[in-house]
Amino acid sequence: MEEDRTTARVAEPSVTAIDIVLEPDSKMIEQAQAANAALLKNFPGGYALDAEHRPHISVMGGYVYTAKLDQIYAAVEKVLTSEKVLSWRMRAFKYYYIPLNEIGLGGIVVEPTAEMVRLQKSLIEALNPFLSPTGTAAAFATTPRDREINQATLDAVATYISDHTGDHYSPHVTIGVGTAAYLDALVAAPFPAFTFSSVGVSVYQFGNFGTAMKQLRCFKLSQ
């Protein structure tokens, strides 16, 4: 009898797209929400900064194995014990945007500090064993209003560590979507620089456009 060469297909391990973020204080949140309100008037098809699109500063993102999330939270908590995040002062100094054909994804750019870069490096080292090289749209959080994950978001998470860390790290607070013409004018206008603080650190599951869609863990900081 001929040997049956049919083999069972092994299920791929579940993967989650995570974003480890600094939670900004009320001063930054107010600036981001004001900019977002103006963007929505310009492009009503964008999104509002709300409970499913929280203003945040990404420190590290990537695809991780879902089964390892508890170990990831423990590793992040251990890293945070040596960082006095609540005492950090940061400076926002300009707008920028990522062009997406006729529209763009805007943000407020923050000057990277030695402390932020150090935290990022420590997180990458601690979480490296849990990273998945790839992920699909199933790794992201969605809502009835935000059902799709665009290719730019998939690519950004896949290349986060290679393209957005170390010397390439450009911390920012995303403010939403607008037309390219509106964002060009926004970037060209004078920006009133301001300083602000972080009030916490969280892990989120990414949504479309790199939004902080679903909070997975909030860390209690005592510094």
N, C-alpha and C. Protein backbone atom coordinates (compact mmCIF):
# COMPACT_ATOMS: atom_id res chain seq x y z
N MET A 1 0.85 -1.20 0.00
CA MET A 1 0.00 0.00 0.00
C MET A 1 0.88 1.24 0.00
N GLU A 2 0.60 2.18 -0.90
CA GLU A 2 1.43 3.39 -0.99
C GLU A 2 1.31 4.22 0.26
N GLU A 3 2.43 4.70 0.74
CA GLU A 3 2.45 5.51 1.98
C GLU A 3 1.68 6.80 1.79
N ASP A 4 0.86 7.11 2.76
CA ASP A 4 0.10 8.36 2.72
C ASP A 4 1.03 9.52 3.02
N ARG A 5 1.24 10.37 2.02
CA ARG A 5 2.19 11.47 2.18
C ARG A 5 1.51 12.74 2.71
N THR A 6 0.22 12.67 2.97
CA THR A 6 -0.50 13.84 3.47
C THR A 6 -0.13 14.08 4.92
N THR A 7 0.26 15.28 5.25
CA THR A 7 0.62 15.63 6.62
C THR A 7 -0.29 16.73 7.12
N ALA A 8 -0.56 16.69 8.40
CA ALA A 8 -1.41 17.72 8.99
C ALA A 8 -0.68 19.05 9.00
N ARG A 9 -1.37 20.10 8.66
CA ARG A 9 -0.79 21.44 8.66
C ARG A 9 -0.70 21.95 10.09
N VAL A 10 0.49 22.34 10.50
CA VAL A 10 0.70 22.84 11.85
C VAL A 10 0.23 24.28 11.94
N ALA A 11 -0.59 24.55 12.91
CA ALA A 11 -1.12 25.91 13.07
C ALA A 11 -0.01 26.87 13.44
N GLU A 12 -0.03 28.03 12.82
CA GLU A 12 0.95 29.06 13.14
C GLU A 12 0.66 29.62 14.53
N PRO A 13 1.69 29.92 15.31
CA PRO A 13 1.45 30.50 16.64
C PRO A 13 0.81 31.88 16.53
N SER A 14 -0.06 32.19 17.48
CA SER A 14 -0.74 33.48 17.49
C SER A 14 0.27 34.60 17.76
N VAL A 15 0.10 35.71 17.06
CA VAL A 15 1.00 36.86 17.15
C VAL A 15 0.19 38.11 17.46
N THR A 16 0.74 38.98 18.30
CA THR A 16 0.09 40.25 18.66
C THR A 16 1.03 41.40 18.31
N ALA A 17 0.49 42.44 17.72
CA ALA A 17 1.26 43.65 17.41
C ALA A 17 1.18 44.59 18.61
N ILE A 18 2.31 44.76 19.31
CA ILE A 18 2.28 45.57 20.53
C ILE A 18 3.07 46.86 20.37
N ASP A 19 2.68 47.81 21.19
CA ASP A 19 3.32 49.12 21.23
C ASP A 19 3.55 49.47 22.70
N ILE A 20 4.81 49.63 23.10
CA ILE A 20 5.13 50.04 24.46
C ILE A 20 5.30 51.55 24.44
N VAL A 21 4.51 52.25 25.26
CA VAL A 21 4.40 53.69 25.11
C VAL A 21 4.60 54.43 26.42
N LEU A 22 5.01 55.69 26.27
CA LEU A 22 4.95 56.66 27.37
C LEU A 22 3.59 57.33 27.28
N GLU A 23 2.90 57.41 28.41
CA GLU A 23 1.62 58.12 28.47
C GLU A 23 1.91 59.59 28.75
N PRO A 24 1.56 60.51 27.84
CA PRO A 24 1.88 61.92 28.05
C PRO A 24 0.94 62.59 29.05
N ASP A 25 1.41 63.71 29.60
CA ASP A 25 0.60 64.44 30.56
C ASP A 25 -0.50 65.25 29.87
N SER A 26 -1.29 65.96 30.68
CA SER A 26 -2.45 66.68 30.15
C SER A 26 -2.05 67.79 29.17
N LYS A 27 -0.88 68.37 29.35
CA LYS A 27 -0.46 69.45 28.45
C LYS A 27 -0.30 68.92 27.03
N MET A 28 0.38 67.78 26.87
CA MET A 28 0.54 67.20 25.54
C MET A 28 -0.79 66.70 25.00
N ILE A 29 -1.60 66.09 25.84
CA ILE A 29 -2.89 65.58 25.39
C ILE A 29 -3.76 66.71 24.85
N GLU A 30 -3.77 67.85 25.53
CA GLU A 30 -4.57 68.99 25.08
C GLU A 30 -4.07 69.51 23.73
N GLN A 31 -2.74 69.58 23.56
CA GLN A 31 -2.18 70.03 22.28
C GLN A 31 -2.55 69.06 21.16
N ALA A 32 -2.44 67.77 21.44
CA ALA A 32 -2.74 66.76 20.43
C ALA A 32 -4.22 66.76 20.07
N GLN A 33 -5.09 66.91 21.06
CA GLN A 33 -6.52 66.91 20.79
C GLN A 33 -6.95 68.15 20.00
N ALA A 34 -6.34 69.29 20.28
CA ALA A 34 -6.66 70.50 19.52
C ALA A 34 -6.24 70.34 18.05
N ALA A 35 -5.05 69.78 17.84
CA ALA A 35 -4.58 69.55 16.48
C ALA A 35 -5.46 68.52 15.77
N ASN A 36 -5.90 67.51 16.50
CA ASN A 36 -6.76 66.47 15.94
C ASN A 36 -8.12 67.04 15.53
N ALA A 37 -8.68 67.92 16.35
CA ALA A 37 -9.97 68.54 16.03
C ALA A 37 -9.87 69.33 14.72
N ALA A 38 -8.75 70.04 14.54
CA ALA A 38 -8.56 70.80 13.31
C ALA A 38 -8.41 69.86 12.11
N LEU A 39 -7.73 68.74 12.29
CA LEU A 39 -7.57 67.77 11.22
C LEU A 39 -8.92 67.18 10.81
N LEU A 40 -9.78 66.91 11.77
CA LEU A 40 -11.09 66.34 11.46
C LEU A 40 -11.95 67.31 10.67
N LYS A 41 -11.80 68.60 10.91
CA LYS A 41 -12.53 69.58 10.11
C LYS A 41 -12.02 69.58 8.67
N ASN A 42 -10.70 69.40 8.53
CA ASN A 42 -10.10 69.34 7.21
C ASN A 42 -10.41 68.03 6.48
N PHE A 43 -10.39 66.92 7.23
CA PHE A 43 -10.59 65.60 6.64
C PHE A 43 -11.48 64.77 7.55
N PRO A 44 -12.80 64.90 7.40
CA PRO A 44 -13.73 64.19 8.29
C PRO A 44 -13.60 62.67 8.25
N GLY A 45 -12.95 62.15 7.22
CA GLY A 45 -12.75 60.71 7.12
C GLY A 45 -11.65 60.18 8.00
N GLY A 46 -10.99 61.06 8.77
CA GLY A 46 -9.94 60.63 9.68
C GLY A 46 -10.51 60.04 10.95
N TYR A 47 -9.72 60.09 12.02
CA TYR A 47 -10.21 59.54 13.28
C TYR A 47 -9.97 60.53 14.42
N ALA A 48 -10.82 60.42 15.45
CA ALA A 48 -10.69 61.28 16.62
C ALA A 48 -9.78 60.62 17.64
N LEU A 49 -9.06 61.43 18.39
CA LEU A 49 -8.27 60.91 19.52
C LEU A 49 -9.24 60.63 20.66
N ASP A 50 -9.42 59.36 20.95
CA ASP A 50 -10.39 58.96 21.97
C ASP A 50 -9.85 57.74 22.71
N ALA A 51 -10.74 57.02 23.38
CA ALA A 51 -10.31 55.87 24.19
C ALA A 51 -9.69 54.77 23.35
N GLU A 52 -10.00 54.74 22.06
CA GLU A 52 -9.43 53.71 21.18
C GLU A 52 -8.32 54.27 20.29
N HIS A 53 -8.01 55.53 20.46
CA HIS A 53 -6.93 56.18 19.70
C HIS A 53 -6.23 57.16 20.65
N ARG A 54 -5.56 56.65 21.63
CA ARG A 54 -5.01 57.49 22.69
C ARG A 54 -3.72 58.20 22.26
N PRO A 55 -3.59 59.49 22.61
CA PRO A 55 -2.30 60.15 22.39
C PRO A 55 -1.21 59.41 23.17
N HIS A 56 -0.08 59.16 22.54
CA HIS A 56 0.98 58.39 23.19
C HIS A 56 2.30 58.63 22.48
N ILE A 57 3.38 58.24 23.14
CA ILE A 57 4.71 58.27 22.54
C ILE A 57 5.24 56.85 22.50
N SER A 58 5.34 56.28 21.31
CA SER A 58 5.87 54.93 21.18
C SER A 58 7.35 54.89 21.54
N VAL A 59 7.72 53.86 22.29
CA VAL A 59 9.13 53.63 22.62
C VAL A 59 9.64 52.40 21.89
N MET A 60 8.84 51.36 21.87
CA MET A 60 9.20 50.14 21.16
C MET A 60 7.95 49.44 20.67
N GLY A 61 7.98 48.96 19.45
CA GLY A 61 6.86 48.21 18.90
C GLY A 61 7.34 47.00 18.14
N GLY A 62 6.43 46.08 17.88
CA GLY A 62 6.78 44.90 17.10
C GLY A 62 5.75 43.81 17.24
N TYR A 63 5.98 42.73 16.50
CA TYR A 63 5.14 41.54 16.59
C TYR A 63 5.72 40.61 17.64
N VAL A 64 4.88 40.15 18.55
CA VAL A 64 5.34 39.23 19.60
C VAL A 64 4.40 38.03 19.65
N TYR A 65 4.90 36.94 20.23
CA TYR A 65 4.07 35.74 20.37
C TYR A 65 3.07 35.95 21.50
N THR A 66 1.81 35.81 21.17
CA THR A 66 0.73 36.08 22.12
C THR A 66 0.87 35.26 23.39
N ALA A 67 1.31 34.02 23.26
CA ALA A 67 1.44 33.14 24.43
C ALA A 67 2.49 33.64 25.41
N LYS A 68 3.34 34.57 24.98
CA LYS A 68 4.42 35.07 25.83
C LYS A 68 4.09 36.43 26.45
N LEU A 69 2.86 36.91 26.31
CA LEU A 69 2.54 38.26 26.77
C LEU A 69 2.80 38.45 28.26
N ASP A 70 2.46 37.48 29.09
CA ASP A 70 2.71 37.63 30.53
C ASP A 70 4.19 37.75 30.82
N GLN A 71 5.01 37.02 30.10
CA GLN A 71 6.46 37.12 30.26
C GLN A 71 6.97 38.47 29.77
N ILE A 72 6.34 38.98 28.73
CA ILE A 72 6.70 40.30 28.20
C ILE A 72 6.38 41.38 29.23
N TYR A 73 5.20 41.32 29.84
CA TYR A 73 4.84 42.31 30.85
C TYR A 73 5.83 42.28 32.02
N ALA A 74 6.23 41.08 32.43
CA ALA A 74 7.18 40.95 33.53
C ALA A 74 8.53 41.53 33.15
N ALA A 75 8.95 41.32 31.91
CA ALA A 75 10.23 41.85 31.45
C ALA A 75 10.21 43.37 31.39
N VAL A 76 9.09 43.94 30.91
CA VAL A 76 8.97 45.40 30.86
C VAL A 76 8.99 45.97 32.27
N GLU A 77 8.26 45.36 33.17
CA GLU A 77 8.21 45.84 34.55
C GLU A 77 9.60 45.84 35.19
N LYS A 78 10.38 44.82 34.90
CA LYS A 78 11.74 44.74 35.44
C LYS A 78 12.61 45.87 34.90
N VAL A 79 12.49 46.16 33.60
CA VAL A 79 13.26 47.26 33.01
C VAL A 79 12.87 48.59 33.66
N LEU A 80 11.58 48.78 33.92
CA LEU A 80 11.10 50.05 34.45
C LEU A 80 11.57 50.33 35.88
N THR A 81 11.97 49.30 36.60
CA THR A 81 12.43 49.51 37.98
C THR A 81 13.69 50.37 38.04
N SER A 82 14.44 50.44 36.96
CA SER A 82 15.68 51.22 36.96
C SER A 82 15.55 52.54 36.20
N GLU A 83 14.32 52.91 35.81
CA GLU A 83 14.11 54.16 35.07
C GLU A 83 13.13 55.06 35.83
N LYS A 84 13.50 56.30 36.05
CA LYS A 84 12.64 57.27 36.75
C LYS A 84 11.81 58.04 35.73
N VAL A 85 10.91 57.31 35.08
CA VAL A 85 10.15 57.86 33.96
C VAL A 85 9.33 59.09 34.35
N LEU A 86 8.76 59.10 35.53
CA LEU A 86 7.88 60.19 35.93
C LEU A 86 8.61 61.51 36.14
N SER A 87 9.92 61.45 36.25
CA SER A 87 10.71 62.68 36.44
C SER A 87 11.23 63.26 35.13
N TRP A 88 11.03 62.56 34.03
CA TRP A 88 11.56 63.02 32.75
C TRP A 88 10.81 64.26 32.26
N ARG A 89 11.57 65.18 31.66
CA ARG A 89 10.99 66.34 30.97
C ARG A 89 11.33 66.22 29.50
N MET A 90 10.34 66.39 28.66
CA MET A 90 10.52 66.26 27.21
C MET A 90 10.06 67.53 26.51
N ARG A 91 10.56 67.73 25.30
CA ARG A 91 10.28 68.96 24.56
C ARG A 91 9.69 68.62 23.19
N ALA A 92 8.49 69.16 22.94
CA ALA A 92 7.85 69.04 21.62
C ALA A 92 8.23 70.27 20.81
N PHE A 93 8.65 70.06 19.56
CA PHE A 93 9.20 71.22 18.85
C PHE A 93 8.73 71.41 17.41
N LYS A 94 7.98 70.48 16.84
CA LYS A 94 7.48 70.71 15.48
C LYS A 94 6.42 69.68 15.12
N TYR A 95 5.71 69.97 14.01
CA TYR A 95 4.80 68.99 13.40
C TYR A 95 5.54 68.25 12.29
N TYR A 96 5.03 67.08 11.96
CA TYR A 96 5.51 66.35 10.79
C TYR A 96 4.35 65.49 10.27
N TYR A 97 4.53 64.89 9.10
CA TYR A 97 3.52 63.92 8.67
C TYR A 97 4.13 62.89 7.74
N ILE A 98 3.50 61.73 7.69
CA ILE A 98 3.86 60.65 6.78
C ILE A 98 2.89 60.70 5.61
N PRO A 99 3.36 60.95 4.38
CA PRO A 99 2.44 61.02 3.24
C PRO A 99 1.87 59.65 2.89
N LEU A 100 0.56 59.62 2.63
CA LEU A 100 -0.14 58.40 2.20
C LEU A 100 -1.00 58.79 0.99
N ASN A 101 -0.34 58.96 -0.15
CA ASN A 101 -1.00 59.44 -1.37
C ASN A 101 -1.53 60.86 -1.15
N GLU A 102 -2.85 61.06 -1.24
CA GLU A 102 -3.42 62.40 -1.14
C GLU A 102 -3.66 62.84 0.30
N ILE A 103 -3.44 61.95 1.25
CA ILE A 103 -3.61 62.28 2.66
C ILE A 103 -2.29 62.04 3.38
N GLY A 104 -2.28 62.26 4.68
CA GLY A 104 -1.08 62.01 5.46
C GLY A 104 -1.43 61.79 6.92
N LEU A 105 -0.52 61.16 7.63
CA LEU A 105 -0.68 60.90 9.06
C LEU A 105 0.23 61.87 9.81
N GLY A 106 -0.39 62.79 10.55
CA GLY A 106 0.38 63.85 11.19
C GLY A 106 0.76 63.55 12.62
N GLY A 107 1.76 64.29 13.11
CA GLY A 107 2.17 64.10 14.49
C GLY A 107 2.96 65.28 15.02
N ILE A 108 3.09 65.33 16.34
CA ILE A 108 3.92 66.32 17.03
C ILE A 108 5.24 65.64 17.38
N VAL A 109 6.33 66.20 16.91
CA VAL A 109 7.65 65.58 17.10
C VAL A 109 8.25 66.01 18.43
N VAL A 110 8.86 65.05 19.12
CA VAL A 110 9.47 65.26 20.43
C VAL A 110 10.98 65.01 20.31
N GLU A 111 11.76 65.87 20.93
CA GLU A 111 13.21 65.66 20.91
C GLU A 111 13.57 64.40 21.70
N PRO A 112 14.30 63.46 21.09
CA PRO A 112 14.70 62.27 21.84
C PRO A 112 15.70 62.64 22.92
N THR A 113 15.58 62.03 24.07
CA THR A 113 16.52 62.26 25.17
C THR A 113 17.35 61.00 25.39
N ALA A 114 18.45 61.16 26.11
CA ALA A 114 19.30 60.00 26.42
C ALA A 114 18.52 58.96 27.22
N GLU A 115 17.62 59.43 28.08
CA GLU A 115 16.83 58.51 28.90
C GLU A 115 15.86 57.68 28.03
N MET A 116 15.23 58.33 27.07
CA MET A 116 14.29 57.63 26.19
C MET A 116 15.01 56.58 25.35
N VAL A 117 16.17 56.94 24.82
CA VAL A 117 16.94 56.01 24.00
C VAL A 117 17.44 54.84 24.84
N ARG A 118 17.84 55.13 26.06
CA ARG A 118 18.30 54.06 26.96
C ARG A 118 17.16 53.10 27.29
N LEU A 119 15.98 53.65 27.56
CA LEU A 119 14.83 52.80 27.85
C LEU A 119 14.49 51.93 26.65
N GLN A 120 14.51 52.51 25.48
CA GLN A 120 14.21 51.75 24.27
C GLN A 120 15.20 50.60 24.09
N LYS A 121 16.48 50.88 24.25
CA LYS A 121 17.51 49.85 24.09
C LYS A 121 17.30 48.71 25.10
N SER A 122 16.99 49.06 26.33
CA SER A 122 16.79 48.05 27.37
C SER A 122 15.57 47.18 27.06
N LEU A 123 14.51 47.81 26.54
CA LEU A 123 13.31 47.05 26.20
C LEU A 123 13.56 46.10 25.04
N ILE A 124 14.29 46.55 24.05
CA ILE A 124 14.59 45.69 22.90
C ILE A 124 15.39 44.47 23.36
N GLU A 125 16.38 44.70 24.20
CA GLU A 125 17.20 43.59 24.70
C GLU A 125 16.36 42.61 25.53
N ALA A 126 15.46 43.14 26.35
CA ALA A 126 14.66 42.29 27.23
C ALA A 126 13.60 41.50 26.47
N LEU A 127 13.06 42.10 25.39
CA LEU A 127 11.96 41.47 24.69
C LEU A 127 12.37 40.70 23.44
N ASN A 128 13.63 40.76 23.09
CA ASN A 128 14.09 40.09 21.87
C ASN A 128 13.69 38.61 21.79
N PRO A 129 13.74 37.85 22.89
CA PRO A 129 13.37 36.42 22.80
C PRO A 129 11.91 36.18 22.46
N PHE A 130 11.07 37.20 22.59
CA PHE A 130 9.63 37.01 22.40
C PHE A 130 9.13 37.57 21.07
N LEU A 131 10.03 38.09 20.26
CA LEU A 131 9.62 38.74 19.01
C LEU A 131 9.36 37.73 17.90
N SER A 132 8.30 38.00 17.12
CA SER A 132 8.02 37.23 15.92
C SER A 132 8.52 38.03 14.71
N PRO A 133 9.14 37.38 13.73
CA PRO A 133 9.65 38.11 12.57
C PRO A 133 8.56 38.68 11.67
N THR A 134 7.36 38.11 11.75
CA THR A 134 6.27 38.56 10.88
C THR A 134 4.95 38.59 11.65
N GLY A 135 3.98 39.25 11.04
CA GLY A 135 2.64 39.29 11.61
C GLY A 135 1.65 39.66 10.52
N THR A 136 0.39 39.36 10.74
CA THR A 136 -0.66 39.67 9.78
C THR A 136 -1.65 40.64 10.41
N ALA A 137 -2.69 40.96 9.66
CA ALA A 137 -3.73 41.87 10.18
C ALA A 137 -4.39 41.29 11.43
N ALA A 138 -4.36 39.98 11.58
CA ALA A 138 -4.97 39.34 12.75
C ALA A 138 -4.25 39.70 14.05
N ALA A 139 -3.04 40.24 13.96
CA ALA A 139 -2.28 40.62 15.15
C ALA A 139 -2.73 41.94 15.74
N PHE A 140 -3.59 42.67 15.04
CA PHE A 140 -3.97 44.02 15.43
C PHE A 140 -5.36 44.05 16.06
N ALA A 141 -5.60 45.10 16.83
CA ALA A 141 -6.93 45.34 17.39
C ALA A 141 -7.76 46.09 16.35
N THR A 142 -9.03 45.74 16.26
CA THR A 142 -9.95 46.42 15.35
C THR A 142 -11.25 46.73 16.08
N THR A 143 -12.04 47.60 15.50
CA THR A 143 -13.37 47.93 16.02
C THR A 143 -14.32 47.94 14.83
N PRO A 144 -15.63 48.01 15.08
CA PRO A 144 -16.58 48.10 13.96
C PRO A 144 -16.30 49.30 13.06
N ARG A 145 -15.74 50.37 13.61
CA ARG A 145 -15.43 51.55 12.80
C ARG A 145 -14.09 51.42 12.10
N ASP A 146 -13.19 50.64 12.68
CA ASP A 146 -11.84 50.46 12.12
C ASP A 146 -11.60 48.97 11.92
N ARG A 147 -12.13 48.45 10.84
CA ARG A 147 -12.06 47.00 10.59
C ARG A 147 -10.81 46.58 9.84
N GLU A 148 -10.23 47.49 9.07
CA GLU A 148 -9.13 47.14 8.19
C GLU A 148 -7.78 47.59 8.74
N ILE A 149 -6.74 46.87 8.40
CA ILE A 149 -5.37 47.25 8.73
C ILE A 149 -4.64 47.45 7.41
N ASN A 150 -4.19 48.69 7.16
CA ASN A 150 -3.57 48.96 5.87
C ASN A 150 -2.13 48.43 5.81
N GLN A 151 -1.63 48.32 4.59
CA GLN A 151 -0.30 47.75 4.39
C GLN A 151 0.79 48.59 5.03
N ALA A 152 0.62 49.91 5.02
CA ALA A 152 1.62 50.78 5.64
C ALA A 152 1.77 50.48 7.13
N THR A 153 0.65 50.17 7.79
CA THR A 153 0.71 49.83 9.22
C THR A 153 1.39 48.48 9.42
N LEU A 154 1.04 47.49 8.60
CA LEU A 154 1.68 46.18 8.70
C LEU A 154 3.19 46.30 8.53
N ASP A 155 3.61 47.09 7.55
CA ASP A 155 5.04 47.25 7.27
C ASP A 155 5.75 48.00 8.39
N ALA A 156 5.08 49.02 8.94
CA ALA A 156 5.71 49.84 9.98
C ALA A 156 6.01 49.02 11.22
N VAL A 157 5.10 48.13 11.60
CA VAL A 157 5.33 47.29 12.78
C VAL A 157 6.43 46.27 12.50
N ALA A 158 6.43 45.71 11.29
CA ALA A 158 7.44 44.71 10.92
C ALA A 158 8.85 45.30 10.94
N THR A 159 8.96 46.60 10.62
CA THR A 159 10.29 47.23 10.53
C THR A 159 10.56 48.19 11.68
N TYR A 160 9.75 48.11 12.73
CA TYR A 160 9.89 49.08 13.82
C TYR A 160 11.31 49.10 14.38
N ILE A 161 11.83 47.95 14.73
CA ILE A 161 13.14 47.91 15.39
C ILE A 161 14.25 48.30 14.43
N SER A 162 14.16 47.90 13.17
CA SER A 162 15.22 48.24 12.22
C SER A 162 15.17 49.69 11.78
N ASP A 163 13.97 50.28 11.71
CA ASP A 163 13.83 51.62 11.13
C ASP A 163 13.52 52.74 12.12
N HIS A 164 13.16 52.41 13.36
CA HIS A 164 12.67 53.45 14.27
C HIS A 164 13.30 53.40 15.65
N THR A 165 14.50 52.88 15.73
CA THR A 165 15.17 52.80 17.03
C THR A 165 16.59 53.35 16.93
N GLY A 166 17.21 53.55 18.10
CA GLY A 166 18.58 54.05 18.13
C GLY A 166 18.70 55.40 17.46
N ASP A 167 19.64 55.51 16.51
CA ASP A 167 19.85 56.77 15.79
C ASP A 167 18.65 57.15 14.93
N HIS A 168 17.77 56.19 14.64
CA HIS A 168 16.59 56.45 13.80
C HIS A 168 15.34 56.76 14.63
N TYR A 169 15.49 56.80 15.94
CA TYR A 169 14.32 57.02 16.79
C TYR A 169 13.88 58.47 16.73
N SER A 170 12.62 58.67 16.38
CA SER A 170 12.03 60.02 16.34
C SER A 170 10.72 59.98 17.12
N PRO A 171 10.77 60.18 18.43
CA PRO A 171 9.55 60.12 19.23
C PRO A 171 8.55 61.18 18.80
N HIS A 172 7.27 60.83 18.87
CA HIS A 172 6.24 61.75 18.42
C HIS A 172 4.89 61.33 19.00
N VAL A 173 3.95 62.23 18.93
CA VAL A 173 2.56 61.94 19.29
C VAL A 173 1.73 62.11 18.04
N THR A 174 1.15 61.03 17.57
CA THR A 174 0.33 61.08 16.35
C THR A 174 -0.96 61.86 16.62
N ILE A 175 -1.33 62.72 15.69
CA ILE A 175 -2.50 63.59 15.88
C ILE A 175 -3.64 63.27 14.94
N GLY A 176 -3.44 62.39 13.96
CA GLY A 176 -4.53 62.01 13.08
C GLY A 176 -4.23 62.19 11.61
N VAL A 177 -5.28 62.11 10.80
CA VAL A 177 -5.16 62.10 9.34
C VAL A 177 -5.73 63.39 8.76
N GLY A 178 -5.01 63.92 7.77
CA GLY A 178 -5.49 65.12 7.07
C GLY A 178 -5.07 65.07 5.62
N THR A 179 -5.51 66.05 4.84
CA THR A 179 -5.06 66.12 3.45
C THR A 179 -3.59 66.55 3.41
N ALA A 180 -2.91 66.15 2.36
CA ALA A 180 -1.50 66.52 2.22
C ALA A 180 -1.32 68.03 2.17
N ALA A 181 -2.24 68.72 1.50
CA ALA A 181 -2.14 70.18 1.40
C ALA A 181 -2.26 70.83 2.77
N TYR A 182 -3.20 70.35 3.57
CA TYR A 182 -3.38 70.92 4.92
C TYR A 182 -2.14 70.64 5.77
N LEU A 183 -1.63 69.42 5.70
CA LEU A 183 -0.47 69.06 6.52
C LEU A 183 0.79 69.79 6.08
N ASP A 184 0.93 70.04 4.78
CA ASP A 184 2.06 70.84 4.30
C ASP A 184 2.05 72.22 4.95
N ALA A 185 0.86 72.83 5.00
CA ALA A 185 0.75 74.16 5.61
C ALA A 185 1.00 74.09 7.11
N LEU A 186 0.52 73.03 7.76
CA LEU A 186 0.73 72.87 9.20
C LEU A 186 2.21 72.77 9.54
N VAL A 187 2.92 71.97 8.76
CA VAL A 187 4.36 71.78 8.99
C VAL A 187 5.14 73.07 8.73
N ALA A 188 4.70 73.85 7.75
CA ALA A 188 5.42 75.08 7.39
C ALA A 188 5.20 76.21 8.38
N ALA A 189 4.11 76.16 9.13
CA ALA A 189 3.80 77.25 10.07
C ALA A 189 4.68 77.17 11.32
N PRO A 190 4.91 78.32 11.98
CA PRO A 190 5.71 78.30 13.22
C PRO A 190 5.06 77.40 14.27
N PHE A 191 5.88 76.68 15.00
CA PHE A 191 5.37 75.77 16.04
C PHE A 191 5.78 76.31 17.41
N PRO A 192 4.84 76.52 18.30
CA PRO A 192 5.17 76.99 19.65
C PRO A 192 5.68 75.83 20.52
N ALA A 193 6.99 75.69 20.60
CA ALA A 193 7.58 74.58 21.35
C ALA A 193 7.12 74.61 22.81
N PHE A 194 7.01 73.42 23.41
CA PHE A 194 6.61 73.34 24.81
C PHE A 194 7.20 72.09 25.46
N THR A 195 7.30 72.11 26.77
CA THR A 195 7.80 70.95 27.50
C THR A 195 6.64 70.25 28.20
N PHE A 196 6.83 68.97 28.43
CA PHE A 196 5.79 68.17 29.07
C PHE A 196 6.44 66.97 29.75
N SER A 197 5.63 66.17 30.42
CA SER A 197 6.13 65.01 31.15
C SER A 197 5.37 63.75 30.75
N SER A 198 5.85 62.63 31.24
CA SER A 198 5.14 61.36 31.10
C SER A 198 4.49 61.02 32.43
N VAL A 199 3.29 60.48 32.37
CA VAL A 199 2.59 60.11 33.60
C VAL A 199 2.46 58.59 33.76
N GLY A 200 3.07 57.85 32.84
CA GLY A 200 3.01 56.40 32.96
C GLY A 200 3.56 55.69 31.75
N VAL A 201 3.59 54.37 31.83
CA VAL A 201 4.03 53.51 30.74
C VAL A 201 2.98 52.41 30.57
N SER A 202 2.63 52.10 29.33
CA SER A 202 1.64 51.07 29.04
C SER A 202 2.07 50.23 27.85
N VAL A 203 1.46 49.07 27.75
CA VAL A 203 1.56 48.24 26.54
C VAL A 203 0.19 48.25 25.88
N TYR A 204 0.15 48.58 24.60
CA TYR A 204 -1.08 48.58 23.82
C TYR A 204 -0.97 47.58 22.68
N GLN A 205 -2.13 47.16 22.19
CA GLN A 205 -2.19 46.45 20.93
C GLN A 205 -2.43 47.49 19.85
N PHE A 206 -1.60 47.46 18.82
CA PHE A 206 -1.72 48.41 17.73
C PHE A 206 -3.07 48.28 17.02
N GLY A 207 -3.57 49.42 16.54
CA GLY A 207 -4.68 49.45 15.61
C GLY A 207 -4.18 49.99 14.28
N ASN A 208 -5.10 50.28 13.36
CA ASN A 208 -4.70 50.82 12.07
C ASN A 208 -4.05 52.20 12.24
N PHE A 209 -3.16 52.54 11.32
CA PHE A 209 -2.38 53.79 11.36
C PHE A 209 -1.47 53.86 12.59
N GLY A 210 -1.17 52.72 13.22
CA GLY A 210 -0.29 52.73 14.39
C GLY A 210 -0.92 53.32 15.62
N THR A 211 -2.25 53.33 15.69
CA THR A 211 -2.92 53.88 16.87
C THR A 211 -2.77 52.94 18.07
N ALA A 212 -2.85 53.54 19.26
CA ALA A 212 -2.87 52.75 20.50
C ALA A 212 -4.32 52.33 20.73
N MET A 213 -4.71 51.23 20.13
CA MET A 213 -6.12 50.85 20.07
C MET A 213 -6.63 50.20 21.35
N LYS A 214 -5.87 49.25 21.87
CA LYS A 214 -6.35 48.47 23.01
C LYS A 214 -5.26 48.37 24.07
N GLN A 215 -5.53 48.89 25.25
CA GLN A 215 -4.55 48.83 26.34
C GLN A 215 -4.51 47.39 26.88
N LEU A 216 -3.31 46.83 26.87
CA LEU A 216 -3.13 45.47 27.39
C LEU A 216 -2.60 45.44 28.82
N ARG A 217 -1.76 46.42 29.15
CA ARG A 217 -1.20 46.47 30.50
C ARG A 217 -0.74 47.90 30.82
N CYS A 218 -1.09 48.38 31.99
CA CYS A 218 -0.62 49.69 32.48
C CYS A 218 0.25 49.41 33.69
N PHE A 219 1.45 49.96 33.71
CA PHE A 219 2.39 49.69 34.80
C PHE A 219 2.31 50.78 35.85
N LYS A 220 2.29 50.38 37.09
CA LYS A 220 2.27 51.33 38.21
C LYS A 220 3.71 51.77 38.49
N LEU A 221 3.94 53.08 38.36
CA LEU A 221 5.26 53.63 38.57
C LEU A 221 5.26 54.44 39.87
N SER A 222 6.32 54.31 40.62
CA SER A 222 6.38 55.00 41.92
C SER A 222 7.44 56.09 41.96
N GLN A 223 8.27 56.19 40.89
CA GLN A 223 9.36 57.16 40.94
C GLN A 223 8.80 58.59 40.88
